[in-house]
Amino acid sequence: MSPLAIRILVEATPKRVFVSALDWPGWSRGGKTEEAAVEALLAASPRYAPVAAAAGHPLDVDGLVIEVAERRDGDAGTAFGMPSVVAAADRLPVDAAEAAWLAALVEAAFDAFDRISAAAPAELRKGPRGGGRDTAKIVEHVWGGNDAYASVLGIPKDRRTPTGLLRAAMLGVLRQASDGSPVAGKKWPARYAARRIAWHVLDHAWEIEDRTDPA
């Protein structure tokens, strides 16, 4: 079997570089250099593979080949620590099959976060300087992010409630075919919205895993 080619976007600033798998929403990692960011992306592949499998899209992590599809200058968001740049590839049309692919991966990211946060202890291991939020605060933060993302997707405020209805509404938008223009006339095309939303959920899920005391 031929190695799977992973097309990535590289967004770079002098302080930080982010790389994102353009066809696999949520699989984004950062580093001080492009090489470090790519290394982090590949290191995260065993963590991302169960998410892909749960979405019905198995990912063979053996022998992956990274292909840089696009390089862009990063912005303040990139430097702060998030995949912040909309790629040219993100503005391509999304047909019904691709929309289902994107939504399935975002839904699997939601489910992974729910599973990991539910199994985590209330108190998480602190950072070297004693900082870091505990599980409940991370969950609250992720829900707050989802509410903001729902707004960008054009979901009316009366449907942005802290229940499964919020996620269902977000997934409903992502399942719709698109011509590649920003969703609801806002600022994010569907491909980037899926990428950003899934990244935020998985980044904090993996944070919880990393800061869970094995004891």
N, C-alpha and C. Protein backbone atom coordinates (compact mmCIF):
# COMPACT_ATOMS: atom_id res chain seq x y z
N MET A 1 0.84 -1.20 0.00
CA MET A 1 0.00 0.00 0.00
C MET A 1 0.88 1.24 0.00
N SER A 2 0.55 2.20 -0.84
CA SER A 2 1.33 3.43 -0.92
C SER A 2 1.12 4.26 0.34
N PRO A 3 2.17 4.97 0.78
CA PRO A 3 2.02 5.85 1.94
C PRO A 3 0.95 6.91 1.68
N LEU A 4 0.25 7.28 2.73
CA LEU A 4 -0.79 8.29 2.60
C LEU A 4 -0.17 9.68 2.62
N ALA A 5 -0.47 10.47 1.61
CA ALA A 5 0.03 11.84 1.55
C ALA A 5 -0.90 12.76 2.35
N ILE A 6 -0.33 13.50 3.28
CA ILE A 6 -1.08 14.45 4.10
C ILE A 6 -0.75 15.86 3.65
N ARG A 7 -1.73 16.52 3.03
CA ARG A 7 -1.53 17.89 2.56
C ARG A 7 -1.65 18.85 3.75
N ILE A 8 -0.64 19.71 3.90
CA ILE A 8 -0.68 20.61 5.04
C ILE A 8 -0.58 22.07 4.61
N LEU A 9 -1.14 22.91 5.46
CA LEU A 9 -0.94 24.35 5.40
C LEU A 9 0.11 24.69 6.45
N VAL A 10 1.08 25.51 6.06
CA VAL A 10 2.06 26.04 7.00
C VAL A 10 1.79 27.52 7.17
N GLU A 11 1.54 27.96 8.39
CA GLU A 11 1.37 29.38 8.68
C GLU A 11 2.45 29.76 9.69
N ALA A 12 3.28 30.73 9.33
CA ALA A 12 4.48 30.99 10.12
C ALA A 12 4.58 32.43 10.58
N THR A 13 5.06 32.59 11.81
CA THR A 13 5.45 33.88 12.36
C THR A 13 6.86 33.71 12.92
N PRO A 14 7.55 34.80 13.24
CA PRO A 14 8.89 34.67 13.82
C PRO A 14 8.89 33.90 15.14
N LYS A 15 7.77 33.92 15.86
CA LYS A 15 7.72 33.28 17.18
C LYS A 15 7.18 31.86 17.14
N ARG A 16 6.26 31.59 16.21
CA ARG A 16 5.59 30.29 16.23
C ARG A 16 5.10 29.92 14.83
N VAL A 17 5.09 28.63 14.57
CA VAL A 17 4.61 28.10 13.29
C VAL A 17 3.52 27.07 13.58
N PHE A 18 2.45 27.12 12.80
CA PHE A 18 1.40 26.10 12.89
C PHE A 18 1.32 25.36 11.58
N VAL A 19 1.10 24.05 11.66
CA VAL A 19 0.83 23.25 10.47
C VAL A 19 -0.48 22.53 10.69
N SER A 20 -1.27 22.45 9.63
CA SER A 20 -2.60 21.84 9.72
C SER A 20 -2.82 20.91 8.55
N ALA A 21 -3.34 19.73 8.83
CA ALA A 21 -3.72 18.79 7.78
C ALA A 21 -5.01 19.28 7.15
N LEU A 22 -4.93 19.70 5.90
CA LEU A 22 -6.07 20.37 5.27
C LEU A 22 -7.28 19.47 5.10
N ASP A 23 -7.07 18.17 4.96
CA ASP A 23 -8.19 17.25 4.72
C ASP A 23 -8.66 16.53 5.98
N TRP A 24 -8.03 16.86 7.12
CA TRP A 24 -8.33 16.15 8.37
C TRP A 24 -8.56 17.17 9.48
N PRO A 25 -9.76 17.73 9.58
CA PRO A 25 -10.04 18.78 10.56
C PRO A 25 -9.65 18.37 11.98
N GLY A 26 -8.96 19.27 12.66
CA GLY A 26 -8.56 19.03 14.03
C GLY A 26 -7.13 18.58 14.19
N TRP A 27 -6.53 18.10 13.10
CA TRP A 27 -5.15 17.63 13.17
C TRP A 27 -4.24 18.79 12.82
N SER A 28 -3.91 19.58 13.84
CA SER A 28 -3.07 20.77 13.71
C SER A 28 -2.15 20.83 14.92
N ARG A 29 -0.90 21.16 14.68
CA ARG A 29 0.06 21.27 15.77
C ARG A 29 1.00 22.43 15.50
N GLY A 30 1.57 22.98 16.57
CA GLY A 30 2.46 24.11 16.46
C GLY A 30 3.85 23.81 16.98
N GLY A 31 4.78 24.71 16.68
CA GLY A 31 6.14 24.59 17.15
C GLY A 31 6.88 25.89 16.90
N LYS A 32 8.09 25.97 17.39
CA LYS A 32 8.88 27.18 17.21
C LYS A 32 9.37 27.33 15.77
N THR A 33 9.50 26.21 15.06
CA THR A 33 9.92 26.21 13.66
C THR A 33 8.98 25.31 12.87
N GLU A 34 9.07 25.41 11.53
CA GLU A 34 8.25 24.52 10.70
C GLU A 34 8.60 23.06 10.95
N GLU A 35 9.88 22.77 11.07
CA GLU A 35 10.30 21.39 11.31
C GLU A 35 9.73 20.86 12.63
N ALA A 36 9.76 21.68 13.67
CA ALA A 36 9.22 21.26 14.96
C ALA A 36 7.72 21.06 14.89
N ALA A 37 7.03 21.93 14.15
CA ALA A 37 5.58 21.81 14.03
C ALA A 37 5.20 20.55 13.27
N VAL A 38 5.92 20.24 12.19
CA VAL A 38 5.65 19.01 11.43
C VAL A 38 5.93 17.79 12.30
N GLU A 39 7.01 17.84 13.06
CA GLU A 39 7.32 16.73 13.96
C GLU A 39 6.19 16.52 14.97
N ALA A 40 5.66 17.62 15.51
CA ALA A 40 4.55 17.53 16.46
C ALA A 40 3.29 16.97 15.79
N LEU A 41 3.06 17.37 14.55
CA LEU A 41 1.89 16.87 13.81
C LEU A 41 1.98 15.35 13.65
N LEU A 42 3.14 14.87 13.24
CA LEU A 42 3.32 13.43 13.06
C LEU A 42 3.23 12.70 14.41
N ALA A 43 3.78 13.30 15.45
CA ALA A 43 3.72 12.68 16.77
C ALA A 43 2.29 12.55 17.27
N ALA A 44 1.41 13.45 16.81
CA ALA A 44 0.01 13.42 17.23
C ALA A 44 -0.83 12.46 16.40
N SER A 45 -0.26 11.88 15.34
CA SER A 45 -1.06 11.01 14.47
C SER A 45 -1.68 9.82 15.19
N PRO A 46 -0.99 9.15 16.15
CA PRO A 46 -1.66 8.05 16.85
C PRO A 46 -2.83 8.52 17.71
N ARG A 47 -2.82 9.78 18.12
CA ARG A 47 -3.93 10.32 18.89
C ARG A 47 -5.10 10.69 17.97
N TYR A 48 -4.74 11.18 16.79
CA TYR A 48 -5.79 11.60 15.87
C TYR A 48 -6.44 10.41 15.18
N ALA A 49 -5.71 9.32 15.00
CA ALA A 49 -6.23 8.17 14.26
C ALA A 49 -7.55 7.63 14.85
N PRO A 50 -7.71 7.50 16.18
CA PRO A 50 -9.00 7.03 16.71
C PRO A 50 -10.15 7.98 16.40
N VAL A 51 -9.87 9.28 16.33
CA VAL A 51 -10.89 10.26 15.96
C VAL A 51 -11.34 10.01 14.52
N ALA A 52 -10.36 9.83 13.64
CA ALA A 52 -10.67 9.56 12.23
C ALA A 52 -11.45 8.27 12.09
N ALA A 53 -11.04 7.24 12.83
CA ALA A 53 -11.73 5.95 12.75
C ALA A 53 -13.17 6.07 13.24
N ALA A 54 -13.37 6.82 14.32
CA ALA A 54 -14.72 7.01 14.84
C ALA A 54 -15.61 7.74 13.85
N ALA A 55 -14.99 8.56 13.01
CA ALA A 55 -15.75 9.29 11.98
C ALA A 55 -16.00 8.44 10.75
N GLY A 56 -15.46 7.21 10.75
CA GLY A 56 -15.64 6.33 9.60
C GLY A 56 -14.59 6.51 8.53
N HIS A 57 -13.47 7.16 8.91
CA HIS A 57 -12.40 7.42 7.95
C HIS A 57 -11.07 6.94 8.54
N PRO A 58 -10.82 5.64 8.53
CA PRO A 58 -9.58 5.12 9.13
C PRO A 58 -8.34 5.78 8.56
N LEU A 59 -7.39 6.04 9.44
CA LEU A 59 -6.14 6.71 9.06
C LEU A 59 -4.98 5.81 9.43
N ASP A 60 -4.27 5.32 8.42
CA ASP A 60 -3.09 4.49 8.64
C ASP A 60 -1.91 5.41 8.90
N VAL A 61 -1.40 5.41 10.12
CA VAL A 61 -0.36 6.36 10.49
C VAL A 61 1.04 5.88 10.13
N ASP A 62 1.15 4.67 9.60
CA ASP A 62 2.47 4.17 9.22
C ASP A 62 2.87 4.71 7.85
N GLY A 63 4.04 5.30 7.78
CA GLY A 63 4.56 5.76 6.50
C GLY A 63 3.86 6.97 5.92
N LEU A 64 3.35 7.86 6.78
CA LEU A 64 2.71 9.07 6.28
C LEU A 64 3.73 9.95 5.55
N VAL A 65 3.28 10.60 4.51
CA VAL A 65 4.12 11.53 3.75
C VAL A 65 3.51 12.92 3.85
N ILE A 66 4.29 13.87 4.32
CA ILE A 66 3.81 15.23 4.46
C ILE A 66 4.06 15.99 3.16
N GLU A 67 3.02 16.62 2.64
CA GLU A 67 3.13 17.45 1.44
C GLU A 67 2.67 18.87 1.79
N VAL A 68 3.56 19.82 1.65
CA VAL A 68 3.20 21.22 1.92
C VAL A 68 2.38 21.73 0.74
N ALA A 69 1.09 21.94 0.97
CA ALA A 69 0.21 22.43 -0.08
C ALA A 69 0.24 23.94 -0.18
N GLU A 70 0.53 24.59 0.95
CA GLU A 70 0.46 26.06 0.95
C GLU A 70 1.25 26.60 2.13
N ARG A 71 1.96 27.67 1.89
CA ARG A 71 2.64 28.40 2.96
C ARG A 71 2.08 29.81 3.01
N ARG A 72 1.76 30.26 4.22
CA ARG A 72 1.23 31.61 4.39
C ARG A 72 1.89 32.27 5.59
N ASP A 73 1.96 33.58 5.55
CA ASP A 73 2.40 34.31 6.73
C ASP A 73 1.34 34.16 7.82
N GLY A 74 1.77 33.86 9.02
CA GLY A 74 0.85 33.77 10.12
C GLY A 74 0.45 35.16 10.62
N ASP A 75 -0.46 35.18 11.58
CA ASP A 75 -0.91 36.45 12.14
C ASP A 75 -0.78 36.41 13.66
N ALA A 76 -1.42 37.33 14.33
CA ALA A 76 -1.33 37.38 15.78
C ALA A 76 -1.88 36.12 16.43
N GLY A 77 -2.92 35.55 15.82
CA GLY A 77 -3.48 34.31 16.35
C GLY A 77 -2.49 33.16 16.26
N THR A 78 -1.77 33.08 15.14
CA THR A 78 -0.75 32.06 14.98
C THR A 78 0.31 32.20 16.06
N ALA A 79 0.80 33.42 16.24
CA ALA A 79 1.84 33.67 17.24
C ALA A 79 1.34 33.35 18.65
N PHE A 80 0.06 33.58 18.90
CA PHE A 80 -0.52 33.30 20.21
C PHE A 80 -0.63 31.81 20.47
N GLY A 81 -0.86 31.02 19.40
CA GLY A 81 -0.91 29.57 19.57
C GLY A 81 -2.15 28.91 19.03
N MET A 82 -2.64 29.36 17.86
CA MET A 82 -3.81 28.71 17.26
C MET A 82 -3.68 28.75 15.74
N PRO A 83 -4.27 27.76 15.05
CA PRO A 83 -4.27 27.80 13.58
C PRO A 83 -5.24 28.88 13.11
N SER A 84 -4.71 30.01 12.69
CA SER A 84 -5.52 31.21 12.54
C SER A 84 -5.71 31.67 11.10
N VAL A 85 -4.97 31.09 10.17
CA VAL A 85 -4.98 31.58 8.79
C VAL A 85 -5.90 30.73 7.91
N VAL A 86 -6.74 31.40 7.14
CA VAL A 86 -7.60 30.73 6.16
C VAL A 86 -6.78 30.50 4.90
N ALA A 87 -6.66 29.23 4.51
CA ALA A 87 -5.87 28.88 3.33
C ALA A 87 -6.68 29.08 2.06
N ALA A 88 -5.97 29.17 0.94
CA ALA A 88 -6.67 29.21 -0.35
C ALA A 88 -7.50 27.94 -0.53
N ALA A 89 -6.96 26.82 -0.06
CA ALA A 89 -7.68 25.54 -0.18
C ALA A 89 -8.98 25.55 0.63
N ASP A 90 -9.02 26.35 1.69
CA ASP A 90 -10.23 26.43 2.50
C ASP A 90 -11.38 27.11 1.76
N ARG A 91 -11.05 27.84 0.70
CA ARG A 91 -12.07 28.59 -0.04
C ARG A 91 -12.61 27.83 -1.25
N LEU A 92 -12.19 26.57 -1.38
CA LEU A 92 -12.71 25.76 -2.47
C LEU A 92 -14.14 25.30 -2.15
N PRO A 93 -14.95 25.04 -3.17
CA PRO A 93 -16.31 24.54 -2.91
C PRO A 93 -16.30 23.22 -2.14
N VAL A 94 -17.35 22.99 -1.41
CA VAL A 94 -17.52 21.76 -0.63
C VAL A 94 -18.79 21.07 -1.11
N ASP A 95 -18.66 19.89 -1.69
CA ASP A 95 -19.86 19.18 -2.14
C ASP A 95 -20.46 18.39 -0.97
N ALA A 96 -21.55 17.70 -1.20
CA ALA A 96 -22.27 17.03 -0.12
C ALA A 96 -21.40 15.97 0.56
N ALA A 97 -20.63 15.22 -0.23
CA ALA A 97 -19.80 14.17 0.34
C ALA A 97 -18.69 14.76 1.21
N GLU A 98 -18.07 15.83 0.74
CA GLU A 98 -17.02 16.48 1.53
C GLU A 98 -17.59 17.10 2.79
N ALA A 99 -18.77 17.69 2.70
CA ALA A 99 -19.40 18.28 3.88
C ALA A 99 -19.67 17.21 4.92
N ALA A 100 -20.12 16.03 4.49
CA ALA A 100 -20.36 14.93 5.42
C ALA A 100 -19.05 14.50 6.07
N TRP A 101 -17.97 14.47 5.29
CA TRP A 101 -16.64 14.12 5.81
C TRP A 101 -16.21 15.11 6.90
N LEU A 102 -16.31 16.40 6.60
CA LEU A 102 -15.92 17.42 7.58
C LEU A 102 -16.73 17.31 8.85
N ALA A 103 -18.04 17.21 8.72
CA ALA A 103 -18.92 17.17 9.90
C ALA A 103 -18.66 15.92 10.73
N ALA A 104 -18.40 14.78 10.07
CA ALA A 104 -18.16 13.54 10.80
C ALA A 104 -16.90 13.65 11.65
N LEU A 105 -15.87 14.28 11.12
CA LEU A 105 -14.62 14.43 11.87
C LEU A 105 -14.79 15.42 13.02
N VAL A 106 -15.53 16.48 12.81
CA VAL A 106 -15.79 17.42 13.90
C VAL A 106 -16.62 16.74 15.00
N GLU A 107 -17.62 15.98 14.60
CA GLU A 107 -18.44 15.27 15.59
C GLU A 107 -17.60 14.28 16.38
N ALA A 108 -16.70 13.58 15.72
CA ALA A 108 -15.83 12.64 16.41
C ALA A 108 -14.90 13.36 17.38
N ALA A 109 -14.47 14.58 17.03
CA ALA A 109 -13.65 15.37 17.95
C ALA A 109 -14.46 15.76 19.19
N PHE A 110 -15.71 16.17 18.99
CA PHE A 110 -16.59 16.46 20.13
C PHE A 110 -16.70 15.24 21.04
N ASP A 111 -16.95 14.09 20.44
CA ASP A 111 -17.14 12.87 21.23
C ASP A 111 -15.87 12.50 21.99
N ALA A 112 -14.70 12.69 21.35
CA ALA A 112 -13.45 12.39 22.02
C ALA A 112 -13.25 13.31 23.23
N PHE A 113 -13.59 14.58 23.07
CA PHE A 113 -13.46 15.50 24.20
C PHE A 113 -14.38 15.09 25.34
N ASP A 114 -15.61 14.75 25.02
CA ASP A 114 -16.56 14.32 26.05
C ASP A 114 -16.03 13.10 26.81
N ARG A 115 -15.53 12.14 26.07
CA ARG A 115 -15.03 10.90 26.69
C ARG A 115 -13.82 11.17 27.58
N ILE A 116 -12.88 11.95 27.07
CA ILE A 116 -11.66 12.21 27.82
C ILE A 116 -11.93 13.07 29.05
N SER A 117 -12.73 14.11 28.90
CA SER A 117 -13.02 14.99 30.04
C SER A 117 -13.84 14.27 31.10
N ALA A 118 -14.75 13.38 30.68
CA ALA A 118 -15.57 12.65 31.65
C ALA A 118 -14.73 11.68 32.47
N ALA A 119 -13.69 11.15 31.88
CA ALA A 119 -12.85 10.16 32.57
C ALA A 119 -11.73 10.81 33.39
N ALA A 120 -11.53 12.11 33.22
CA ALA A 120 -10.42 12.79 33.87
C ALA A 120 -10.74 13.12 35.33
N PRO A 121 -9.71 13.22 36.16
CA PRO A 121 -9.94 13.66 37.54
C PRO A 121 -10.33 15.12 37.58
N ALA A 122 -10.91 15.54 38.68
CA ALA A 122 -11.32 16.94 38.81
C ALA A 122 -10.12 17.87 38.79
N GLU A 123 -9.03 17.45 39.43
CA GLU A 123 -7.82 18.26 39.49
C GLU A 123 -6.77 17.68 38.56
N LEU A 124 -6.19 18.53 37.75
CA LEU A 124 -5.15 18.11 36.81
C LEU A 124 -3.78 18.55 37.31
N ARG A 125 -2.78 17.85 36.83
CA ARG A 125 -1.41 18.19 37.20
C ARG A 125 -1.10 19.61 36.76
N LYS A 126 -0.47 20.38 37.63
CA LYS A 126 -0.15 21.77 37.32
C LYS A 126 1.12 21.84 36.46
N GLY A 127 1.28 23.00 35.83
CA GLY A 127 2.47 23.23 35.04
C GLY A 127 3.66 23.48 35.92
N PRO A 128 4.85 23.68 35.33
CA PRO A 128 6.06 23.86 36.13
C PRO A 128 6.00 25.08 37.05
N ARG A 129 5.15 26.05 36.70
CA ARG A 129 5.01 27.23 37.56
C ARG A 129 3.71 27.21 38.34
N GLY A 130 3.09 26.05 38.39
CA GLY A 130 1.87 25.90 39.18
C GLY A 130 0.60 26.35 38.49
N GLY A 131 0.67 26.65 37.20
CA GLY A 131 -0.51 27.13 36.49
C GLY A 131 -1.25 26.01 35.79
N GLY A 132 -2.36 26.38 35.17
CA GLY A 132 -3.16 25.42 34.43
C GLY A 132 -4.54 25.23 35.02
N ARG A 133 -5.55 25.18 34.15
CA ARG A 133 -6.92 25.01 34.60
C ARG A 133 -7.20 23.55 34.93
N ASP A 134 -8.13 23.34 35.86
CA ASP A 134 -8.59 21.99 36.14
C ASP A 134 -9.68 21.61 35.14
N THR A 135 -10.13 20.35 35.23
CA THR A 135 -11.00 19.79 34.20
C THR A 135 -12.27 20.61 33.98
N ALA A 136 -12.95 20.97 35.05
CA ALA A 136 -14.21 21.71 34.90
C ALA A 136 -14.00 23.03 34.19
N LYS A 137 -12.90 23.70 34.47
CA LYS A 137 -12.63 24.99 33.83
C LYS A 137 -12.30 24.81 32.34
N ILE A 138 -11.62 23.72 31.99
CA ILE A 138 -11.34 23.46 30.58
C ILE A 138 -12.64 23.16 29.84
N VAL A 139 -13.50 22.36 30.45
CA VAL A 139 -14.80 22.05 29.84
C VAL A 139 -15.59 23.34 29.63
N GLU A 140 -15.60 24.20 30.65
CA GLU A 140 -16.31 25.48 30.54
C GLU A 140 -15.72 26.32 29.40
N HIS A 141 -14.40 26.33 29.29
CA HIS A 141 -13.73 27.08 28.24
C HIS A 141 -14.09 26.56 26.85
N VAL A 142 -14.11 25.25 26.70
CA VAL A 142 -14.43 24.66 25.40
C VAL A 142 -15.87 24.98 25.02
N TRP A 143 -16.79 24.92 25.98
CA TRP A 143 -18.18 25.28 25.69
C TRP A 143 -18.29 26.74 25.29
N GLY A 144 -17.52 27.60 25.98
CA GLY A 144 -17.55 29.01 25.62
C GLY A 144 -17.02 29.23 24.21
N GLY A 145 -15.97 28.48 23.85
CA GLY A 145 -15.46 28.57 22.49
C GLY A 145 -16.49 28.12 21.47
N ASN A 146 -17.18 27.04 21.78
CA ASN A 146 -18.21 26.54 20.86
C ASN A 146 -19.31 27.56 20.65
N ASP A 147 -19.66 28.28 21.70
CA ASP A 147 -20.70 29.29 21.56
C ASP A 147 -20.23 30.40 20.61
N ALA A 148 -18.96 30.79 20.74
CA ALA A 148 -18.41 31.81 19.85
C ALA A 148 -18.35 31.28 18.42
N TYR A 149 -17.95 30.04 18.26
CA TYR A 149 -17.87 29.45 16.92
C TYR A 149 -19.26 29.34 16.29
N ALA A 150 -20.25 29.02 17.11
CA ALA A 150 -21.62 28.93 16.61
C ALA A 150 -22.07 30.27 16.05
N SER A 151 -21.66 31.35 16.71
CA SER A 151 -22.01 32.68 16.21
C SER A 151 -21.41 32.93 14.84
N VAL A 152 -20.14 32.51 14.65
CA VAL A 152 -19.47 32.69 13.36
C VAL A 152 -20.16 31.85 12.28
N LEU A 153 -20.77 30.74 12.68
CA LEU A 153 -21.50 29.91 11.73
C LEU A 153 -22.90 30.43 11.44
N GLY A 154 -23.27 31.54 12.07
CA GLY A 154 -24.57 32.15 11.80
C GLY A 154 -25.71 31.51 12.55
N ILE A 155 -25.42 30.76 13.61
CA ILE A 155 -26.48 30.11 14.38
C ILE A 155 -27.12 31.13 15.32
N PRO A 156 -28.44 31.31 15.28
CA PRO A 156 -29.10 32.31 16.11
C PRO A 156 -28.81 32.10 17.59
N LYS A 157 -28.76 33.18 18.34
CA LYS A 157 -28.40 33.12 19.75
C LYS A 157 -29.33 32.23 20.56
N ASP A 158 -30.62 32.17 20.18
CA ASP A 158 -31.55 31.36 20.97
C ASP A 158 -31.29 29.85 20.80
N ARG A 159 -30.41 29.49 19.86
CA ARG A 159 -30.06 28.08 19.70
C ARG A 159 -28.67 27.78 20.26
N ARG A 160 -27.98 28.82 20.75
CA ARG A 160 -26.64 28.62 21.29
C ARG A 160 -26.76 28.42 22.79
N THR A 161 -27.10 27.23 23.18
CA THR A 161 -27.27 26.89 24.59
C THR A 161 -26.28 25.79 24.95
N PRO A 162 -25.86 25.70 26.23
CA PRO A 162 -24.86 24.72 26.65
C PRO A 162 -25.41 23.30 26.75
N THR A 163 -25.94 22.80 25.65
CA THR A 163 -26.45 21.44 25.59
C THR A 163 -26.03 20.85 24.26
N GLY A 164 -26.42 19.59 24.04
CA GLY A 164 -26.13 18.96 22.76
C GLY A 164 -26.78 19.66 21.59
N LEU A 165 -27.77 20.51 21.85
CA LEU A 165 -28.42 21.24 20.77
C LEU A 165 -27.44 22.18 20.07
N LEU A 166 -26.51 22.75 20.82
CA LEU A 166 -25.52 23.64 20.22
C LEU A 166 -24.66 22.89 19.22
N ARG A 167 -24.13 21.76 19.63
CA ARG A 167 -23.28 20.98 18.73
C ARG A 167 -24.08 20.48 17.53
N ALA A 168 -25.29 20.06 17.78
CA ALA A 168 -26.11 19.58 16.67
C ALA A 168 -26.33 20.67 15.64
N ALA A 169 -26.54 21.90 16.12
CA ALA A 169 -26.74 23.01 15.20
C ALA A 169 -25.47 23.30 14.41
N MET A 170 -24.32 23.24 15.08
CA MET A 170 -23.04 23.48 14.41
C MET A 170 -22.79 22.41 13.35
N LEU A 171 -23.02 21.16 13.71
CA LEU A 171 -22.81 20.07 12.76
C LEU A 171 -23.79 20.17 11.59
N GLY A 172 -24.99 20.64 11.87
CA GLY A 172 -25.96 20.81 10.80
C GLY A 172 -25.49 21.80 9.76
N VAL A 173 -24.85 22.87 10.21
CA VAL A 173 -24.30 23.86 9.27
C VAL A 173 -23.16 23.25 8.46
N LEU A 174 -22.28 22.52 9.14
CA LEU A 174 -21.11 21.95 8.46
C LEU A 174 -21.49 20.85 7.47
N ARG A 175 -22.64 20.23 7.65
CA ARG A 175 -23.08 19.17 6.73
C ARG A 175 -23.62 19.73 5.41
N GLN A 176 -23.76 21.03 5.33
CA GLN A 176 -24.33 21.62 4.12
C GLN A 176 -23.24 21.87 3.08
N ALA A 177 -23.56 21.57 1.83
CA ALA A 177 -22.63 21.89 0.74
C ALA A 177 -22.42 23.40 0.69
N SER A 178 -21.26 23.80 0.19
CA SER A 178 -20.91 25.22 0.19
C SER A 178 -20.14 25.58 -1.08
N ASP A 179 -20.25 26.84 -1.49
CA ASP A 179 -19.48 27.29 -2.65
C ASP A 179 -18.09 27.79 -2.26
N GLY A 180 -17.76 27.67 -0.97
CA GLY A 180 -16.44 28.09 -0.50
C GLY A 180 -16.39 29.48 0.07
N SER A 181 -17.49 30.19 -0.03
CA SER A 181 -17.52 31.54 0.56
C SER A 181 -17.76 31.42 2.07
N PRO A 182 -17.52 32.50 2.83
CA PRO A 182 -17.73 32.43 4.27
C PRO A 182 -19.15 31.99 4.64
N VAL A 183 -19.25 31.13 5.62
CA VAL A 183 -20.53 30.62 6.07
C VAL A 183 -21.37 31.77 6.63
N ALA A 184 -22.61 31.84 6.23
CA ALA A 184 -23.57 32.84 6.72
C ALA A 184 -23.07 34.27 6.49
N GLY A 185 -22.21 34.45 5.50
CA GLY A 185 -21.71 35.78 5.21
C GLY A 185 -20.79 36.33 6.28
N LYS A 186 -20.28 35.48 7.16
CA LYS A 186 -19.42 35.94 8.25
C LYS A 186 -17.97 36.00 7.76
N LYS A 187 -17.06 35.23 8.38
CA LYS A 187 -15.65 35.34 8.00
C LYS A 187 -14.97 34.01 7.71
N TRP A 188 -15.60 32.88 8.07
CA TRP A 188 -14.94 31.58 7.92
C TRP A 188 -15.63 30.73 6.87
N PRO A 189 -14.92 30.26 5.85
CA PRO A 189 -15.49 29.24 4.97
C PRO A 189 -15.60 27.92 5.73
N ALA A 190 -16.41 27.01 5.21
CA ALA A 190 -16.74 25.78 5.94
C ALA A 190 -15.50 24.94 6.26
N ARG A 191 -14.58 24.82 5.32
CA ARG A 191 -13.40 23.98 5.57
C ARG A 191 -12.59 24.52 6.75
N TYR A 192 -12.38 25.83 6.76
CA TYR A 192 -11.61 26.39 7.87
C TYR A 192 -12.39 26.29 9.17
N ALA A 193 -13.70 26.53 9.13
CA ALA A 193 -14.51 26.43 10.35
C ALA A 193 -14.38 25.04 10.96
N ALA A 194 -14.47 24.01 10.14
CA ALA A 194 -14.33 22.64 10.64
C ALA A 194 -12.96 22.42 11.25
N ARG A 195 -11.94 22.93 10.56
CA ARG A 195 -10.57 22.77 11.02
C ARG A 195 -10.34 23.46 12.37
N ARG A 196 -10.83 24.68 12.48
CA ARG A 196 -10.62 25.46 13.70
C ARG A 196 -11.41 24.88 14.88
N ILE A 197 -12.66 24.53 14.64
CA ILE A 197 -13.50 24.00 15.73
C ILE A 197 -12.95 22.68 16.24
N ALA A 198 -12.62 21.77 15.34
CA ALA A 198 -12.10 20.46 15.76
C ALA A 198 -10.75 20.59 16.44
N TRP A 199 -9.90 21.51 15.95
CA TRP A 199 -8.61 21.71 16.61
C TRP A 199 -8.80 22.16 18.05
N HIS A 200 -9.67 23.12 18.29
CA HIS A 200 -9.85 23.65 19.64
C HIS A 200 -10.31 22.55 20.59
N VAL A 201 -11.23 21.74 20.14
CA VAL A 201 -11.77 20.65 20.97
C VAL A 201 -10.68 19.62 21.27
N LEU A 202 -9.96 19.19 20.24
CA LEU A 202 -8.95 18.16 20.44
C LEU A 202 -7.74 18.68 21.20
N ASP A 203 -7.35 19.92 20.96
CA ASP A 203 -6.21 20.48 21.67
C ASP A 203 -6.43 20.43 23.16
N HIS A 204 -7.65 20.75 23.60
CA HIS A 204 -7.93 20.72 25.03
C HIS A 204 -8.18 19.29 25.53
N ALA A 205 -8.70 18.42 24.69
CA ALA A 205 -8.83 17.02 25.09
C ALA A 205 -7.45 16.43 25.36
N TRP A 206 -6.53 16.70 24.46
CA TRP A 206 -5.18 16.16 24.62
C TRP A 206 -4.45 16.85 25.79
N GLU A 207 -4.77 18.11 26.05
CA GLU A 207 -4.22 18.78 27.23
C GLU A 207 -4.65 18.06 28.50
N ILE A 208 -5.94 17.72 28.56
CA ILE A 208 -6.44 17.00 29.73
C ILE A 208 -5.70 15.66 29.88
N GLU A 209 -5.52 14.95 28.79
CA GLU A 209 -4.79 13.67 28.86
C GLU A 209 -3.36 13.89 29.36
N ASP A 210 -2.70 14.90 28.84
CA ASP A 210 -1.30 15.15 29.19
C ASP A 210 -1.14 15.55 30.64
N ARG A 211 -2.18 16.19 31.18
CA ARG A 211 -2.06 16.71 32.56
C ARG A 211 -2.80 15.85 33.58
N THR A 212 -3.23 14.68 33.16
CA THR A 212 -3.85 13.74 34.09
C THR A 212 -2.77 12.94 34.79
N ASP A 213 -2.77 12.99 36.10
CA ASP A 213 -1.76 12.27 36.87
C ASP A 213 -1.99 10.77 36.73
N PRO A 214 -0.99 10.02 36.23
CA PRO A 214 -1.18 8.57 36.07
C PRO A 214 -1.51 7.88 37.37
N ALA A 215 -1.11 8.44 38.50
CA ALA A 215 -1.42 7.81 39.79
C ALA A 215 -2.88 7.93 40.13
